[in-house]
PDB file of N, CA and C in Angstrom:
ATOM      1  N   MET A   1     -81.885   0.976 -61.663  1.00  0.00           N
ATOM      2  CA  MET A   1     -81.212   2.203 -60.781  1.00  0.00           C
ATOM      3  C   MET A   1     -80.792   2.321 -62.216  1.00  0.00           C
ATOM      4  N   PRO A   2     -81.006   3.707 -62.312  1.00  0.00           N
ATOM      5  CA  PRO A   2     -80.533   4.728 -63.669  1.00  0.00           C
ATOM      6  C   PRO A   2     -79.121   5.039 -63.577  1.00  0.00           C
ATOM      7  N   MET A   3     -79.009   5.303 -64.910  1.00  0.00           N
ATOM      8  CA  MET A   3     -77.596   5.215 -65.367  1.00  0.00           C
ATOM      9  C   MET A   3     -77.224   6.751 -64.975  1.00  0.00           C
ATOM     10  N   SER A   4     -75.704   7.181 -64.421  1.00  0.00           N
ATOM     11  CA  SER A   4     -75.537   8.345 -63.493  1.00  0.00           C
ATOM     12  C   SER A   4     -74.564   9.118 -65.097  1.00  0.00           C
ATOM     13  N   ASP A   5     -74.396  10.197 -65.237  1.00  0.00           N
ATOM     14  CA  ASP A   5     -73.874  10.767 -65.657  1.00  0.00           C
ATOM     15  C   ASP A   5     -72.553  11.047 -65.433  1.00  0.00           C
ATOM     16  N   GLU A   6     -72.375  10.895 -64.353  1.00  0.00           N
ATOM     17  CA  GLU A   6     -71.122  10.943 -63.489  1.00  0.00           C
ATOM     18  C   GLU A   6     -70.252  10.081 -63.645  1.00  0.00           C
ATOM     19  N   SER A   7     -69.120   9.468 -64.514  1.00  0.00           N
ATOM     20  CA  SER A   7     -68.434   8.482 -64.420  1.00  0.00           C
ATOM     21  C   SER A   7     -67.073   8.909 -64.122  1.00  0.00           C
ATOM     22  N   CYS A   8     -66.029   7.686 -63.859  1.00  0.00           N
ATOM     23  CA  CYS A   8     -64.402   8.242 -63.746  1.00  0.00           C
ATOM     24  C   CYS A   8     -63.695   7.067 -64.607  1.00  0.00           C
ATOM     25  N   LEU A   9     -62.399   7.449 -64.779  1.00  0.00           N
ATOM     26  CA  LEU A   9     -61.579   6.560 -65.442  1.00  0.00           C
ATOM     27  C   LEU A   9     -60.837   5.765 -64.403  1.00  0.00           C
ATOM     28  N   ILE A  10     -61.009   4.224 -64.691  1.00  0.00           N
ATOM     29  CA  ILE A  10     -60.249   3.142 -64.251  1.00  0.00           C
ATOM     30  C   ILE A  10     -58.749   3.193 -64.569  1.00  0.00           C
ATOM     31  N   ASP A  11     -57.531   3.252 -63.843  1.00  0.00           N
ATOM     32  CA  ASP A  11     -56.507   3.312 -64.033  1.00  0.00           C
ATOM     33  C   ASP A  11     -56.359   1.746 -63.542  1.00  0.00           C
ATOM     34  N   THR A  12     -54.629   1.550 -64.681  1.00  0.00           N
ATOM     35  CA  THR A  12     -54.106   0.297 -64.769  1.00  0.00           C
ATOM     36  C   THR A  12     -54.401  -0.614 -63.221  1.00  0.00           C
ATOM     37  N   ASP A  13     -53.918   0.142 -62.414  1.00  0.00           N
ATOM     38  CA  ASP A  13     -53.992  -0.756 -61.111  1.00  0.00           C
ATOM     39  C   ASP A  13     -55.091  -1.472 -60.583  1.00  0.00           C
ATOM     40  N   ILE A  14     -56.045  -0.440 -60.635  1.00  0.00           N
ATOM     41  CA  ILE A  14     -57.492  -0.656 -60.512  1.00  0.00           C
ATOM     42  C   ILE A  14     -57.845  -1.942 -61.105  1.00  0.00           C
ATOM     43  N   LEU A  15     -58.064  -1.790 -62.608  1.00  0.00           N
ATOM     44  CA  LEU A  15     -58.362  -2.499 -63.255  1.00  0.00           C
ATOM     45  C   LEU A  15     -57.804  -4.130 -63.090  1.00  0.00           C
ATOM     46  N   SER A  16     -56.276  -3.971 -62.414  1.00  0.00           N
ATOM     47  CA  SER A  16     -55.436  -5.023 -62.347  1.00  0.00           C
ATOM     48  C   SER A  16     -56.589  -5.945 -61.281  1.00  0.00           C
ATOM     49  N   TYR A  17     -56.560  -5.008 -60.082  1.00  0.00           N
ATOM     50  CA  TYR A  17     -57.329  -5.350 -58.858  1.00  0.00           C
ATOM     51  C   TYR A  17     -58.712  -6.371 -59.281  1.00  0.00           C
ATOM     52  N   ILE A  18     -59.290  -5.255 -60.034  1.00  0.00           N
ATOM     53  CA  ILE A  18     -60.838  -5.932 -60.169  1.00  0.00           C
ATOM     54  C   ILE A  18     -60.630  -6.875 -61.011  1.00  0.00           C
ATOM     55  N   LEU A  19     -60.140  -7.422 -61.878  1.00  0.00           N
ATOM     56  CA  LEU A  19     -59.593  -8.458 -62.502  1.00  0.00           C
ATOM     57  C   LEU A  19     -59.110  -9.981 -62.060  1.00  0.00           C
ATOM     58  N   LYS A  20     -58.254  -9.560 -60.817  1.00  0.00           N
ATOM     59  CA  LYS A  20     -57.985 -10.960 -59.959  1.00  0.00           C
ATOM     60  C   LYS A  20     -58.861 -10.506 -58.971  1.00  0.00           C
ATOM     61  N   ARG A  21     -59.974 -10.239 -58.636  1.00  0.00           N
ATOM     62  CA  ARG A  21     -61.342 -10.121 -57.913  1.00  0.00           C
ATOM     63  C   ARG A  21     -60.395  -9.859 -56.551  1.00  0.00           C
ATOM     64  N   LYS A  22     -59.660  -8.900 -56.333  1.00  0.00           N
ATOM     65  CA  LYS A  22     -59.128  -8.681 -55.073  1.00  0.00           C
ATOM     66  C   LYS A  22     -61.033  -7.750 -54.531  1.00  0.00           C
ATOM     67  N   GLU A  23     -60.750  -8.234 -52.821  1.00  0.00           N
ATOM     68  CA  GLU A  23     -62.270  -8.256 -52.253  1.00  0.00           C
ATOM     69  C   GLU A  23     -62.486  -6.889 -52.245  1.00  0.00           C
ATOM     70  N   ASN A  24     -62.123  -5.834 -51.472  1.00  0.00           N
ATOM     71  CA  ASN A  24     -62.488  -4.225 -51.801  1.00  0.00           C
ATOM     72  C   ASN A  24     -62.882  -3.677 -52.691  1.00  0.00           C
ATOM     73  N   VAL A  25     -61.954  -3.972 -54.109  1.00  0.00           N
ATOM     74  CA  VAL A  25     -61.816  -3.474 -54.890  1.00  0.00           C
ATOM     75  C   VAL A  25     -62.972  -4.112 -56.098  1.00  0.00           C
ATOM     76  N   TYR A  26     -63.012  -4.958 -55.594  1.00  0.00           N
ATOM     77  CA  TYR A  26     -64.392  -6.179 -56.976  1.00  0.00           C
ATOM     78  C   TYR A  26     -65.362  -5.583 -56.069  1.00  0.00           C
ATOM     79  N   GLY A  27     -65.787  -5.533 -55.025  1.00  0.00           N
ATOM     80  CA  GLY A  27     -67.018  -5.511 -54.273  1.00  0.00           C
ATOM     81  C   GLY A  27     -67.765  -4.211 -55.074  1.00  0.00           C
ATOM     82  N   ASN A  28     -66.477  -2.868 -54.959  1.00  0.00           N
ATOM     83  CA  ASN A  28     -66.611  -1.251 -55.019  1.00  0.00           C
ATOM     84  C   ASN A  28     -66.736  -1.264 -56.763  1.00  0.00           C
ATOM     85  N   ALA A  29     -66.118  -2.150 -57.492  1.00  0.00           N
ATOM     86  CA  ALA A  29     -66.508  -2.330 -58.695  1.00  0.00           C
ATOM     87  C   ALA A  29     -68.138  -3.061 -59.467  1.00  0.00           C
ATOM     88  N   LEU A  30     -68.327  -3.734 -58.543  1.00  0.00           N
ATOM     89  CA  LEU A  30     -69.676  -4.220 -58.798  1.00  0.00           C
ATOM     90  C   LEU A  30     -70.811  -3.431 -58.430  1.00  0.00           C
ATOM     91  N   GLN A  31     -70.529  -2.518 -57.192  1.00  0.00           N
ATOM     92  CA  GLN A  31     -71.620  -1.846 -57.173  1.00  0.00           C
ATOM     93  C   GLN A  31     -71.571  -0.148 -58.130  1.00  0.00           C
ATOM     94  N   TYR A  32     -69.947  -0.213 -58.735  1.00  0.00           N
ATOM     95  CA  TYR A  32     -69.738   1.155 -59.747  1.00  0.00           C
ATOM     96  C   TYR A  32     -70.553   0.867 -60.972  1.00  0.00           C
ATOM     97  N   LEU A  33     -70.393  -0.613 -61.579  1.00  0.00           N
ATOM     98  CA  LEU A  33     -71.423  -1.119 -62.330  1.00  0.00           C
ATOM     99  C   LEU A  33     -72.846  -1.240 -62.477  1.00  0.00           C
ATOM    100  N   GLU A  34     -73.092  -1.771 -61.293  1.00  0.00           N
ATOM    101  CA  GLU A  34     -74.516  -1.003 -61.230  1.00  0.00           C
ATOM    102  C   GLU A  34     -75.158   0.208 -61.689  1.00  0.00           C
ATOM    103  N   THR A  35     -74.295   1.157 -61.537  1.00  0.00           N
ATOM    104  CA  THR A  35     -74.834   2.582 -61.712  1.00  0.00           C
ATOM    105  C   THR A  35     -74.930   3.024 -63.056  1.00  0.00           C
ATOM    106  N   HIS A  36     -73.450   2.781 -63.500  1.00  0.00           N
ATOM    107  CA  HIS A  36     -72.815   3.513 -64.888  1.00  0.00           C
ATOM    108  C   HIS A  36     -72.735   1.842 -66.090  1.00  0.00           C
ATOM    109  N   ARG A  37     -72.447   1.023 -65.343  1.00  0.00           N
ATOM    110  CA  ARG A  37     -72.929   0.322 -66.275  1.00  0.00           C
ATOM    111  C   ARG A  37     -71.887  -0.745 -67.228  1.00  0.00           C
ATOM    112  N   LYS A  38     -70.755   0.068 -67.250  1.00  0.00           N
ATOM    113  CA  LYS A  38     -69.055  -0.343 -67.896  1.00  0.00           C
ATOM    114  C   LYS A  38     -68.308   0.983 -67.589  1.00  0.00           C
ATOM    115  N   PHE A  39     -66.788   0.353 -67.481  1.00  0.00           N
ATOM    116  CA  PHE A  39     -65.817   0.702 -67.355  1.00  0.00           C
ATOM    117  C   PHE A  39     -65.321   1.780 -68.214  1.00  0.00           C
ATOM    118  N   THR A  40     -64.552   2.609 -67.359  1.00  0.00           N
ATOM    119  CA  THR A  40     -64.021   3.553 -68.649  1.00  0.00           C
ATOM    120  C   THR A  40     -62.602   3.666 -68.543  1.00  0.00           C
ATOM    121  N   ILE A  41     -61.695   3.328 -69.494  1.00  0.00           N
ATOM    122  CA  ILE A  41     -60.363   2.940 -69.431  1.00  0.00           C
ATOM    123  C   ILE A  41     -59.953   3.996 -70.487  1.00  0.00           C
ATOM    124  N   SER A  42     -58.455   4.335 -70.075  1.00  0.00           N
ATOM    125  CA  SER A  42     -57.646   5.074 -71.108  1.00  0.00           C
ATOM    126  C   SER A  42     -57.038   4.572 -71.959  1.00  0.00           C
ATOM    127  N   CYS A  43     -56.310   4.657 -72.901  1.00  0.00           N
ATOM    128  CA  CYS A  43     -55.940   4.171 -74.168  1.00  0.00           C
ATOM    129  C   CYS A  43     -54.197   3.573 -73.440  1.00  0.00           C
ATOM    130  N   ILE A  44     -53.981   4.155 -72.580  1.00  0.00           N
ATOM    131  CA  ILE A  44     -52.501   3.656 -71.877  1.00  0.00           C
ATOM    132  C   ILE A  44     -53.058   2.647 -70.922  1.00  0.00           C
ATOM    133  N   THR A  45     -53.955   2.462 -70.551  1.00  0.00           N
ATOM    134  CA  THR A  45     -54.450   1.144 -69.610  1.00  0.00           C
ATOM    135  C   THR A  45     -54.623   0.371 -70.531  1.00  0.00           C
ATOM    136  N   TYR A  46     -55.220   0.304 -71.595  1.00  0.00           N
ATOM    137  CA  TYR A  46     -55.517  -0.618 -72.715  1.00  0.00           C
ATOM    138  C   TYR A  46     -54.279  -1.152 -72.975  1.00  0.00           C
ATOM    139  N   TYR A  47     -53.286  -0.200 -73.426  1.00  0.00           N
ATOM    140  CA  TYR A  47     -52.020  -0.775 -73.680  1.00  0.00           C
ATOM    141  C   TYR A  47     -51.346  -1.351 -72.718  1.00  0.00           C
ATOM    142  N   GLU A  48     -51.302  -1.127 -71.420  1.00  0.00           N
ATOM    143  CA  GLU A  48     -50.142  -1.544 -70.268  1.00  0.00           C
ATOM    144  C   GLU A  48     -51.044  -3.258 -69.973  1.00  0.00           C
ATOM    145  N   CYS A  49     -52.289  -2.955 -70.116  1.00  0.00           N
ATOM    146  CA  CYS A  49     -52.836  -4.688 -70.063  1.00  0.00           C
ATOM    147  C   CYS A  49     -53.152  -5.059 -71.455  1.00  0.00           C
ATOM    148  N   PHE A  50     -52.694  -4.783 -72.432  1.00  0.00           N
ATOM    149  CA  PHE A  50     -52.669  -5.867 -73.501  1.00  0.00           C
ATOM    150  C   PHE A  50     -50.745  -6.349 -73.271  1.00  0.00           C
ATOM    151  N   ARG A  51     -50.048  -5.077 -73.302  1.00  0.00           N
ATOM    152  CA  ARG A  51     -48.490  -5.686 -73.151  1.00  0.00           C
ATOM    153  C   ARG A  51     -48.840  -6.436 -72.224  1.00  0.00           C
ATOM    154  N   GLY A  52     -49.305  -6.015 -71.087  1.00  0.00           N
ATOM    155  CA  GLY A  52     -48.887  -7.829 -69.637  1.00  0.00           C
ATOM    156  C   GLY A  52     -49.193  -8.845 -70.126  1.00  0.00           C
ATOM    157  N   TYR A  53     -50.452  -8.844 -70.915  1.00  0.00           N
ATOM    158  CA  TYR A  53     -50.987 -10.490 -71.153  1.00  0.00           C
ATOM    159  C   TYR A  53     -50.040 -11.072 -71.913  1.00  0.00           C
ATOM    160  N   LYS A  54     -49.607 -10.314 -73.073  1.00  0.00           N
ATOM    161  CA  LYS A  54     -48.734 -10.552 -73.704  1.00  0.00           C
ATOM    162  C   LYS A  54     -47.580 -11.229 -73.423  1.00  0.00           C
ATOM    163  N   ALA A  55     -47.045 -10.456 -72.272  1.00  0.00           N
ATOM    164  CA  ALA A  55     -45.785 -11.024 -71.676  1.00  0.00           C
ATOM    165  C   ALA A  55     -45.716 -12.006 -71.050  1.00  0.00           C
TER     166      ALA A  55
END
């Protein structure tokens, strides 16, 4: 499937659900990755996840 130019920003809550493999969110994330091939996160989301893992 070709890559789409339309992408979205994944926020901290959604990224957390994906990492925890929550059923609905995880399934949607896999479908998203089929089209876009990567997630886009903000520096704030990166920081919040980094800080959460560090704690």
